[in-house]
Amino acid sequence: MSSVQVACCQLAPVIGDLAANRDLVAAAVGAAAARGAAVVVLPELVTSGYAFADRAEARAAAEPADGPALTLWCRLAAEYGLVLVGGFCELDPDGDVRNSAAVVDPGGLRAVYRKTHLWDAERLIFTPGREAPPVVATAAGRIGVVICYDLEFPEWFRLPALAGAQLLCAPVNWPASPRPAGERPAEVVRVQAGAGVNRMFVAACDRVGPERGVDWVGGSVIVDPDGWPLADAGPTGDAVTITAGCRLDEADSKAVGGLSDIHADRRPELYGDVAR
């Protein structure tokens, strides 16, 4: 397989301004496509912003999967011939408000994933998902998707790897927090660790732009199956697009250290307590 250009568009959506956020996405995806991107990842809740006051405000910003935002995303994917993965505030068919992510390609909407592990006050706003991360076979490769806090659960990180994902796309909104001088954000370190122990590429796309007193890490990163960053947004906190060439078939081999294989060497019969 030839190298696939993967892009993370680190953006600053405006809370509640759905039209402006659609324009922001359209411009960013067009620019990423001009740089040769075949897979573009957008932040968590890029359609709506994040720091909702309550469920009612989130509901007012929520859209169904066939609403204006994803209709635009499908058009962009078809126009530029790429795969687009991003987070959106979803009003699901049952009327629940979800923190969701969509995978679209030139054929249209391929999958919707609903965030299962809700961070902090998100549980007061959203209904959690109950389905495992999807893995979608696309022209670019096999793509899995999770959202932000999901990355902190090793079991959830591993499921798409076991299902054959070559690239895990993660729309995220990482709130900034203090860290020791000179240290990288812990969120980025966890992404590197998860990529390495699962032997797959990971593209985590963060956001920027202060929102109701919340600042963000701005830590978008693309990581290879050895756990090394191929591209990262650095410490600037700016809206920026990062790109990296990824030979996604390298994630098909789980071999490590000569005779070892990170999947074949698992001992699931001994891991019963992990799922308790």
C-alpha atoms as a PDB file:
ATOM      1  CA  MET A   1       0.000   0.000   0.000  1.00  0.00           C
ATOM      2  CA  SER A   2       1.256   3.473  -0.842  1.00  0.00           C
ATOM      3  CA  SER A   3       1.456   6.219   1.750  1.00  0.00           C
ATOM      4  CA  VAL A   4      -1.859   7.830   2.697  1.00  0.00           C
ATOM      5  CA  GLN A   5      -1.808  11.500   3.628  1.00  0.00           C
ATOM      6  CA  VAL A   6      -3.656  12.012   6.929  1.00  0.00           C
ATOM      7  CA  ALA A   7      -4.591  15.487   8.182  1.00  0.00           C
ATOM      8  CA  CYS A   8      -5.863  16.815  11.513  1.00  0.00           C
ATOM      9  CA  CYS A   9      -7.543  20.238  11.254  1.00  0.00           C
ATOM     10  CA  GLN A  10      -7.159  21.868  14.670  1.00  0.00           C
ATOM     11  CA  LEU A  11      -9.930  24.490  14.657  1.00  0.00           C
ATOM     12  CA  ALA A  12     -11.668  26.997  16.940  1.00  0.00           C
ATOM     13  CA  PRO A  13     -15.426  26.422  16.598  1.00  0.00           C
ATOM     14  CA  VAL A  14     -17.850  28.998  18.011  1.00  0.00           C
ATOM     15  CA  ILE A  15     -20.358  27.668  20.499  1.00  0.00           C
ATOM     16  CA  GLY A  16     -23.863  27.709  19.108  1.00  0.00           C
ATOM     17  CA  ASP A  17     -22.942  29.248  15.741  1.00  0.00           C
ATOM     18  CA  LEU A  18     -23.684  26.303  13.501  1.00  0.00           C
ATOM     19  CA  ALA A  19     -23.426  28.193  10.203  1.00  0.00           C
ATOM     20  CA  ALA A  20     -20.030  29.715  11.063  1.00  0.00           C
ATOM     21  CA  ASN A  21     -18.747  26.307  12.124  1.00  0.00           C
ATOM     22  CA  ARG A  22     -19.834  24.768   8.818  1.00  0.00           C
ATOM     23  CA  ASP A  23     -17.925  27.498   6.973  1.00  0.00           C
ATOM     24  CA  LEU A  24     -14.881  26.862   9.184  1.00  0.00           C
ATOM     25  CA  VAL A  25     -14.933  23.158   8.362  1.00  0.00           C
ATOM     26  CA  ALA A  26     -15.431  23.734   4.634  1.00  0.00           C
ATOM     27  CA  ALA A  27     -12.414  26.033   4.447  1.00  0.00           C
ATOM     28  CA  ALA A  28     -10.203  23.724   6.498  1.00  0.00           C
ATOM     29  CA  VAL A  29     -11.123  20.596   4.547  1.00  0.00           C
ATOM     30  CA  GLY A  30     -10.534  22.383   1.249  1.00  0.00           C
ATOM     31  CA  ALA A  31      -7.097  23.506   2.405  1.00  0.00           C
ATOM     32  CA  ALA A  32      -6.230  19.999   3.656  1.00  0.00           C
ATOM     33  CA  ALA A  33      -7.331  18.501   0.337  1.00  0.00           C
ATOM     34  CA  ALA A  34      -5.079  20.975  -1.483  1.00  0.00           C
ATOM     35  CA  ARG A  35      -2.201  19.519   0.537  1.00  0.00           C
ATOM     36  CA  GLY A  36      -3.075  16.028  -0.673  1.00  0.00           C
ATOM     37  CA  ALA A  37      -5.018  14.752   2.327  1.00  0.00           C
ATOM     38  CA  ALA A  38      -6.897  11.493   1.762  1.00  0.00           C
ATOM     39  CA  VAL A  39      -8.158  11.341   5.372  1.00  0.00           C
ATOM     40  CA  VAL A  40      -9.160  14.469   7.289  1.00  0.00           C
ATOM     41  CA  VAL A  41      -9.936  14.438  11.021  1.00  0.00           C
ATOM     42  CA  LEU A  42     -11.852  17.256  12.738  1.00  0.00           C
ATOM     43  CA  PRO A  43     -12.237  18.048  16.459  1.00  0.00           C
ATOM     44  CA  GLU A  44     -14.888  16.781  18.850  1.00  0.00           C
ATOM     45  CA  LEU A  45     -18.205  18.699  18.622  1.00  0.00           C
ATOM     46  CA  VAL A  46     -16.803  20.880  15.833  1.00  0.00           C
ATOM     47  CA  THR A  47     -20.325  21.575  14.579  1.00  0.00           C
ATOM     48  CA  SER A  48     -21.490  23.201  17.793  1.00  0.00           C
ATOM     49  CA  GLY A  49     -18.779  24.021  20.320  1.00  0.00           C
ATOM     50  CA  TYR A  50     -18.379  22.212  23.600  1.00  0.00           C
ATOM     51  CA  ALA A  51     -19.041  24.126  26.825  1.00  0.00           C
ATOM     52  CA  PHE A  52     -22.821  23.970  26.907  1.00  0.00           C
ATOM     53  CA  ALA A  53     -24.610  25.440  29.904  1.00  0.00           C
ATOM     54  CA  ASP A  54     -27.122  22.606  30.003  1.00  0.00           C
ATOM     55  CA  ARG A  55     -28.860  19.913  27.977  1.00  0.00           C
ATOM     56  CA  ALA A  56     -31.372  22.390  26.551  1.00  0.00           C
ATOM     57  CA  GLU A  57     -28.615  24.494  25.012  1.00  0.00           C
ATOM     58  CA  ALA A  58     -26.982  21.390  23.545  1.00  0.00           C
ATOM     59  CA  ARG A  59     -30.313  20.224  22.141  1.00  0.00           C
ATOM     60  CA  ALA A  60     -30.746  23.584  20.406  1.00  0.00           C
ATOM     61  CA  ALA A  61     -27.377  23.055  18.669  1.00  0.00           C
ATOM     62  CA  ALA A  62     -27.926  19.366  17.882  1.00  0.00           C
ATOM     63  CA  GLU A  63     -28.615  18.018  14.399  1.00  0.00           C
ATOM     64  CA  PRO A  64     -29.654  14.616  13.080  1.00  0.00           C
ATOM     65  CA  ALA A  65     -27.161  12.649  11.027  1.00  0.00           C
ATOM     66  CA  ASP A  66     -28.879  13.869   7.859  1.00  0.00           C
ATOM     67  CA  GLY A  67     -28.796  17.514   8.980  1.00  0.00           C
ATOM     68  CA  PRO A  68     -26.921  20.442   7.408  1.00  0.00           C
ATOM     69  CA  ALA A  69     -23.502  19.676   8.926  1.00  0.00           C
ATOM     70  CA  LEU A  70     -23.165  16.078   7.784  1.00  0.00           C
ATOM     71  CA  THR A  71     -24.815  16.884   4.469  1.00  0.00           C
ATOM     72  CA  LEU A  72     -21.975  19.375   3.946  1.00  0.00           C
ATOM     73  CA  TRP A  73     -19.377  16.833   5.073  1.00  0.00           C
ATOM     74  CA  CYS A  74     -20.669  14.290   2.578  1.00  0.00           C
ATOM     75  CA  ARG A  75     -20.494  16.880  -0.186  1.00  0.00           C
ATOM     76  CA  LEU A  76     -16.924  17.791   0.770  1.00  0.00           C
ATOM     77  CA  ALA A  77     -15.868  14.129   0.865  1.00  0.00           C
ATOM     78  CA  ALA A  78     -17.313  13.584  -2.605  1.00  0.00           C
ATOM     79  CA  GLU A  79     -15.891  16.823  -4.020  1.00  0.00           C
ATOM     80  CA  TYR A  80     -12.371  16.179  -2.796  1.00  0.00           C
ATOM     81  CA  GLY A  81     -12.371  12.374  -2.919  1.00  0.00           C
ATOM     82  CA  LEU A  82     -11.409  11.882   0.719  1.00  0.00           C
ATOM     83  CA  VAL A  83     -12.518  10.371   4.022  1.00  0.00           C
ATOM     84  CA  LEU A  84     -13.740  12.804   6.662  1.00  0.00           C
ATOM     85  CA  VAL A  85     -14.030  11.992  10.372  1.00  0.00           C
ATOM     86  CA  GLY A  86     -15.331  14.573  12.822  1.00  0.00           C
ATOM     87  CA  GLY A  87     -17.356  15.196  15.935  1.00  0.00           C
ATOM     88  CA  PHE A  88     -20.888  16.570  15.928  1.00  0.00           C
ATOM     89  CA  CYS A  89     -23.677  17.302  18.389  1.00  0.00           C
ATOM     90  CA  GLU A  90     -26.284  14.753  17.368  1.00  0.00           C
ATOM     91  CA  LEU A  91     -30.016  14.633  17.884  1.00  0.00           C
ATOM     92  CA  ASP A  92     -30.557  10.908  17.460  1.00  0.00           C
ATOM     93  CA  PRO A  93     -33.721   9.224  16.125  1.00  0.00           C
ATOM     94  CA  ASP A  94     -34.973   8.660  19.688  1.00  0.00           C
ATOM     95  CA  GLY A  95     -34.633  12.352  20.531  1.00  0.00           C
ATOM     96  CA  ASP A  96     -31.537  11.900  22.707  1.00  0.00           C
ATOM     97  CA  VAL A  97     -28.639  14.365  22.495  1.00  0.00           C
ATOM     98  CA  ARG A  98     -25.349  12.627  21.769  1.00  0.00           C
ATOM     99  CA  ASN A  99     -21.680  13.534  21.568  1.00  0.00           C
ATOM    100  CA  SER A 100     -21.081  11.731  18.295  1.00  0.00           C
ATOM    101  CA  ALA A 101     -18.586  11.302  15.479  1.00  0.00           C
ATOM    102  CA  ALA A 102     -19.254  10.534  11.838  1.00  0.00           C
ATOM    103  CA  VAL A 103     -17.210   8.801   9.162  1.00  0.00           C
ATOM    104  CA  VAL A 104     -18.051   9.943   5.633  1.00  0.00           C
ATOM    105  CA  ASP A 105     -16.407   9.229   2.305  1.00  0.00           C
ATOM    106  CA  PRO A 106     -17.297   9.886  -1.348  1.00  0.00           C
ATOM    107  CA  GLY A 107     -20.082   7.303  -1.012  1.00  0.00           C
ATOM    108  CA  GLY A 108     -21.751   9.229   1.813  1.00  0.00           C
ATOM    109  CA  LEU A 109     -22.240   8.574   5.526  1.00  0.00           C
ATOM    110  CA  ARG A 110     -20.493   5.340   6.502  1.00  0.00           C
ATOM    111  CA  ALA A 111     -20.808   5.258  10.293  1.00  0.00           C
ATOM    112  CA  VAL A 112     -21.910   7.213  13.343  1.00  0.00           C
ATOM    113  CA  TYR A 113     -20.222   6.524  16.674  1.00  0.00           C
ATOM    114  CA  ARG A 114     -21.692   7.841  19.940  1.00  0.00           C
ATOM    115  CA  LYS A 115     -19.215   8.620  22.712  1.00  0.00           C
ATOM    116  CA  THR A 116     -19.430   5.935  25.352  1.00  0.00           C
ATOM    117  CA  HIS A 117     -17.234   7.356  28.120  1.00  0.00           C
ATOM    118  CA  LEU A 118     -18.555  10.807  29.005  1.00  0.00           C
ATOM    119  CA  TRP A 119     -16.109  13.225  30.630  1.00  0.00           C
ATOM    120  CA  ASP A 120     -17.134  15.119  33.773  1.00  0.00           C
ATOM    121  CA  ALA A 121     -20.231  17.307  33.184  1.00  0.00           C
ATOM    122  CA  GLU A 122     -20.808  15.771  29.742  1.00  0.00           C
ATOM    123  CA  ARG A 123     -22.904  13.167  31.568  1.00  0.00           C
ATOM    124  CA  LEU A 124     -25.338  15.949  32.498  1.00  0.00           C
ATOM    125  CA  ILE A 125     -25.694  16.931  28.830  1.00  0.00           C
ATOM    126  CA  PHE A 126     -25.430  13.827  26.664  1.00  0.00           C
ATOM    127  CA  THR A 127     -26.771  10.289  26.559  1.00  0.00           C
ATOM    128  CA  PRO A 128     -23.833   7.840  26.408  1.00  0.00           C
ATOM    129  CA  GLY A 129     -23.394   5.399  23.556  1.00  0.00           C
ATOM    130  CA  ARG A 130     -23.541   1.642  23.994  1.00  0.00           C
ATOM    131  CA  GLU A 131     -21.904   0.393  20.807  1.00  0.00           C
ATOM    132  CA  ALA A 132     -18.270  -0.578  20.227  1.00  0.00           C
ATOM    133  CA  PRO A 133     -16.117   1.691  18.054  1.00  0.00           C
ATOM    134  CA  PRO A 134     -16.880   1.068  14.370  1.00  0.00           C
ATOM    135  CA  VAL A 135     -14.201   0.061  11.900  1.00  0.00           C
ATOM    136  CA  VAL A 136     -14.966   1.205   8.359  1.00  0.00           C
ATOM    137  CA  ALA A 137     -13.306  -0.150   5.227  1.00  0.00           C
ATOM    138  CA  THR A 138     -12.544   2.864   3.015  1.00  0.00           C
ATOM    139  CA  ALA A 139     -10.473   3.488  -0.099  1.00  0.00           C
ATOM    140  CA  ALA A 140      -7.771   4.912   2.186  1.00  0.00           C
ATOM    141  CA  GLY A 141      -7.740   1.949   4.586  1.00  0.00           C
ATOM    142  CA  ARG A 142      -9.601   0.491   7.558  1.00  0.00           C
ATOM    143  CA  ILE A 143     -10.545   3.357   9.854  1.00  0.00           C
ATOM    144  CA  GLY A 144     -11.790   3.147  13.442  1.00  0.00           C
ATOM    145  CA  VAL A 145     -13.216   6.013  15.481  1.00  0.00           C
ATOM    146  CA  VAL A 146     -13.451   6.932  19.161  1.00  0.00           C
ATOM    147  CA  ILE A 147     -13.942  10.283  20.910  1.00  0.00           C
ATOM    148  CA  CYS A 148     -11.636  11.991  23.425  1.00  0.00           C
ATOM    149  CA  TYR A 149     -12.102  10.439  26.916  1.00  0.00           C
ATOM    150  CA  ASP A 150     -12.643   7.032  25.245  1.00  0.00           C
ATOM    151  CA  LEU A 151      -8.872   7.025  24.640  1.00  0.00           C
ATOM    152  CA  GLU A 152      -8.215   6.685  28.372  1.00  0.00           C
ATOM    153  CA  PHE A 153      -9.786   3.218  28.515  1.00  0.00           C
ATOM    154  CA  PRO A 154      -7.295   0.635  27.218  1.00  0.00           C
ATOM    155  CA  GLU A 155     -10.058  -1.899  26.578  1.00  0.00           C
ATOM    156  CA  TRP A 156     -11.858   0.561  24.276  1.00  0.00           C
ATOM    157  CA  PHE A 157      -8.616   1.488  22.510  1.00  0.00           C
ATOM    158  CA  ARG A 158      -7.927  -2.190  21.847  1.00  0.00           C
ATOM    159  CA  LEU A 159     -11.331  -3.114  20.422  1.00  0.00           C
ATOM    160  CA  PRO A 160     -10.848  -1.371  17.055  1.00  0.00           C
ATOM    161  CA  ALA A 161      -7.306  -2.755  16.845  1.00  0.00           C
ATOM    162  CA  LEU A 162      -8.647  -6.300  17.299  1.00  0.00           C
ATOM    163  CA  ALA A 163     -11.314  -5.524  14.689  1.00  0.00           C
ATOM    164  CA  GLY A 164      -8.610  -4.732  12.134  1.00  0.00           C
ATOM    165  CA  ALA A 165      -8.370  -0.942  12.236  1.00  0.00           C
ATOM    166  CA  GLN A 166      -5.225   0.394  10.625  1.00  0.00           C
ATOM    167  CA  LEU A 167      -5.901   4.004  11.614  1.00  0.00           C
ATOM    168  CA  LEU A 168      -7.831   5.117  14.700  1.00  0.00           C
ATOM    169  CA  CYS A 169      -9.285   8.612  14.271  1.00  0.00           C
ATOM    170  CA  ALA A 170     -10.119  10.453  17.479  1.00  0.00           C
ATOM    171  CA  PRO A 171     -11.906  13.805  17.492  1.00  0.00           C
ATOM    172  CA  VAL A 172     -10.994  15.331  20.873  1.00  0.00           C
ATOM    173  CA  ASN A 173     -11.457  18.449  23.021  1.00  0.00           C
ATOM    174  CA  TRP A 174      -8.659  18.222  25.598  1.00  0.00           C
ATOM    175  CA  PRO A 175      -9.123  20.835  28.367  1.00  0.00           C
ATOM    176  CA  ALA A 176      -5.816  22.403  29.358  1.00  0.00           C
ATOM    177  CA  SER A 177      -4.452  21.638  32.817  1.00  0.00           C
ATOM    178  CA  PRO A 178      -1.157  22.417  34.572  1.00  0.00           C
ATOM    179  CA  ARG A 179       1.827  20.177  33.858  1.00  0.00           C
ATOM    180  CA  PRO A 180       5.481  20.214  34.908  1.00  0.00           C
ATOM    181  CA  ALA A 181       7.764  22.472  32.906  1.00  0.00           C
ATOM    182  CA  GLY A 182       9.115  20.780  29.815  1.00  0.00           C
ATOM    183  CA  GLU A 183       6.640  17.897  29.860  1.00  0.00           C
ATOM    184  CA  ARG A 184       4.370  17.001  26.980  1.00  0.00           C
ATOM    185  CA  PRO A 185       0.611  16.917  27.557  1.00  0.00           C
ATOM    186  CA  ALA A 186      -0.379  13.661  29.231  1.00  0.00           C
ATOM    187  CA  GLU A 187      -3.147  13.243  26.659  1.00  0.00           C
ATOM    188  CA  VAL A 188      -0.565  13.081  23.871  1.00  0.00           C
ATOM    189  CA  VAL A 189       1.562  10.607  25.834  1.00  0.00           C
ATOM    190  CA  ARG A 190      -1.469   8.327  26.283  1.00  0.00           C
ATOM    191  CA  VAL A 191      -2.175   8.439  22.548  1.00  0.00           C
ATOM    192  CA  GLN A 192       1.417   7.447  21.822  1.00  0.00           C
ATOM    193  CA  ALA A 193       1.213   4.587  24.311  1.00  0.00           C
ATOM    194  CA  GLY A 194      -2.082   3.336  22.904  1.00  0.00           C
ATOM    195  CA  ALA A 195      -0.787   3.440  19.350  1.00  0.00           C
ATOM    196  CA  GLY A 196       2.333   1.503  20.325  1.00  0.00           C
ATOM    197  CA  VAL A 197       0.665  -1.239  22.380  1.00  0.00           C
ATOM    198  CA  ASN A 198      -1.954  -1.764  19.660  1.00  0.00           C
ATOM    199  CA  ARG A 199       0.385  -1.389  16.683  1.00  0.00           C
ATOM    200  CA  MET A 200      -1.830   1.003  14.718  1.00  0.00           C
ATOM    201  CA  PHE A 201      -1.770   4.582  13.513  1.00  0.00           C
ATOM    202  CA  VAL A 202      -3.707   7.127  15.569  1.00  0.00           C
ATOM    203  CA  ALA A 203      -4.802  10.621  14.513  1.00  0.00           C
ATOM    204  CA  ALA A 204      -6.147  12.687  17.421  1.00  0.00           C
ATOM    205  CA  CYS A 205      -7.539  16.079  16.405  1.00  0.00           C
ATOM    206  CA  ASP A 206      -7.893  18.668  19.186  1.00  0.00           C
ATOM    207  CA  ARG A 207      -9.442  22.152  19.163  1.00  0.00           C
ATOM    208  CA  VAL A 208      -8.304  25.637  20.204  1.00  0.00           C
ATOM    209  CA  GLY A 209     -10.011  28.920  21.091  1.00  0.00           C
ATOM    210  CA  PRO A 210     -11.084  29.813  24.656  1.00  0.00           C
ATOM    211  CA  GLU A 211     -14.708  28.934  25.316  1.00  0.00           C
ATOM    212  CA  ARG A 212     -16.588  30.048  28.448  1.00  0.00           C
ATOM    213  CA  GLY A 213     -13.467  29.968  30.569  1.00  0.00           C
ATOM    214  CA  VAL A 214     -12.124  26.700  29.161  1.00  0.00           C
ATOM    215  CA  ASP A 215      -8.758  26.587  27.388  1.00  0.00           C
ATOM    216  CA  TRP A 216      -7.511  23.617  25.417  1.00  0.00           C
ATOM    217  CA  VAL A 217      -4.313  21.648  25.046  1.00  0.00           C
ATOM    218  CA  GLY A 218      -4.238  22.202  21.273  1.00  0.00           C
ATOM    219  CA  GLY A 219      -2.389  18.906  21.105  1.00  0.00           C
ATOM    220  CA  SER A 220      -3.397  17.414  17.761  1.00  0.00           C
ATOM    221  CA  VAL A 221      -1.049  14.566  16.894  1.00  0.00           C
ATOM    222  CA  ILE A 222      -0.592  11.787  14.328  1.00  0.00           C
ATOM    223  CA  VAL A 223       1.233   8.744  15.699  1.00  0.00           C
ATOM    224  CA  ASP A 224       2.707   5.663  14.016  1.00  0.00           C
ATOM    225  CA  PRO A 225       2.342   2.012  15.134  1.00  0.00           C
ATOM    226  CA  ASP A 226       5.585   2.215  17.105  1.00  0.00           C
ATOM    227  CA  GLY A 227       4.125   5.059  19.169  1.00  0.00           C
ATOM    228  CA  TRP A 228       6.200   7.854  17.624  1.00  0.00           C
ATOM    229  CA  PRO A 229       4.635  11.148  16.506  1.00  0.00           C
ATOM    230  CA  LEU A 230       4.733  11.718  12.758  1.00  0.00           C
ATOM    231  CA  ALA A 231       3.269  15.219  13.125  1.00  0.00           C
ATOM    232  CA  ASP A 232       2.048  17.328  16.006  1.00  0.00           C
ATOM    233  CA  ALA A 233       0.566  20.769  16.529  1.00  0.00           C
ATOM    234  CA  GLY A 234       3.148  21.718  19.137  1.00  0.00           C
ATOM    235  CA  PRO A 235       2.581  24.113  22.045  1.00  0.00           C
ATOM    236  CA  THR A 236       1.383  27.160  20.097  1.00  0.00           C
ATOM    237  CA  GLY A 237      -2.343  26.743  20.732  1.00  0.00           C
ATOM    238  CA  ASP A 238      -3.092  28.006  17.225  1.00  0.00           C
ATOM    239  CA  ALA A 239      -5.602  26.835  14.666  1.00  0.00           C
ATOM    240  CA  VAL A 240      -3.438  24.725  12.375  1.00  0.00           C
ATOM    241  CA  THR A 241      -3.593  21.702  10.090  1.00  0.00           C
ATOM    242  CA  ILE A 242      -1.003  18.979  10.555  1.00  0.00           C
ATOM    243  CA  THR A 243      -0.378  16.257   7.998  1.00  0.00           C
ATOM    244  CA  ALA A 244       1.609  13.047   7.802  1.00  0.00           C
ATOM    245  CA  GLY A 245       2.138  10.313   5.254  1.00  0.00           C
ATOM    246  CA  CYS A 246       1.047   6.977   6.728  1.00  0.00           C
ATOM    247  CA  ARG A 247       1.643   3.548   5.204  1.00  0.00           C
ATOM    248  CA  LEU A 248      -1.456   2.105   6.802  1.00  0.00           C
ATOM    249  CA  ASP A 249      -0.607  -1.501   5.891  1.00  0.00           C
ATOM    250  CA  GLU A 250       2.227  -1.285   8.424  1.00  0.00           C
ATOM    251  CA  ALA A 251      -0.472  -1.569  11.083  1.00  0.00           C
ATOM    252  CA  ASP A 252      -1.426  -5.019   9.798  1.00  0.00           C
ATOM    253  CA  SER A 253       1.695  -6.535  11.346  1.00  0.00           C
ATOM    254  CA  LYS A 254       1.546  -6.894  15.112  1.00  0.00           C
ATOM    255  CA  ALA A 255       5.059  -8.350  15.288  1.00  0.00           C
ATOM    256  CA  VAL A 256       7.358  -6.875  17.929  1.00  0.00           C
ATOM    257  CA  GLY A 257      10.815  -7.949  19.027  1.00  0.00           C
ATOM    258  CA  GLY A 258      11.476 -10.824  16.629  1.00  0.00           C
ATOM    259  CA  LEU A 259       9.424 -13.774  17.892  1.00  0.00           C
ATOM    260  CA  SER A 260       6.764 -11.725  19.655  1.00  0.00           C
ATOM    261  CA  ASP A 261       3.375 -10.595  18.359  1.00  0.00           C
ATOM    262  CA  ILE A 262       1.341  -8.046  20.321  1.00  0.00           C
ATOM    263  CA  HIS A 263      -1.947  -9.750  19.388  1.00  0.00           C
ATOM    264  CA  ALA A 264      -0.981 -13.411  19.147  1.00  0.00           C
ATOM    265  CA  ASP A 265       0.777 -13.267  22.538  1.00  0.00           C
ATOM    266  CA  ARG A 266      -2.342 -12.093  24.378  1.00  0.00           C
ATOM    267  CA  ARG A 267      -3.655 -14.378  27.166  1.00  0.00           C
ATOM    268  CA  PRO A 268      -7.348 -13.396  27.339  1.00  0.00           C
ATOM    269  CA  GLU A 269      -8.172 -16.448  29.455  1.00  0.00           C
ATOM    270  CA  LEU A 270      -6.227 -14.760  32.264  1.00  0.00           C
ATOM    271  CA  TYR A 271      -7.734 -11.282  31.886  1.00  0.00           C
ATOM    272  CA  GLY A 272     -11.184 -11.879  33.363  1.00  0.00           C
ATOM    273  CA  ASP A 273     -10.866  -9.250  36.092  1.00  0.00           C
ATOM    274  CA  VAL A 274     -10.077  -6.520  33.536  1.00  0.00           C
ATOM    275  CA  ALA A 275     -13.693  -6.436  32.349  1.00  0.00           C
ATOM    276  CA  ARG A 276     -15.220  -6.403  35.842  1.00  0.00           C
END
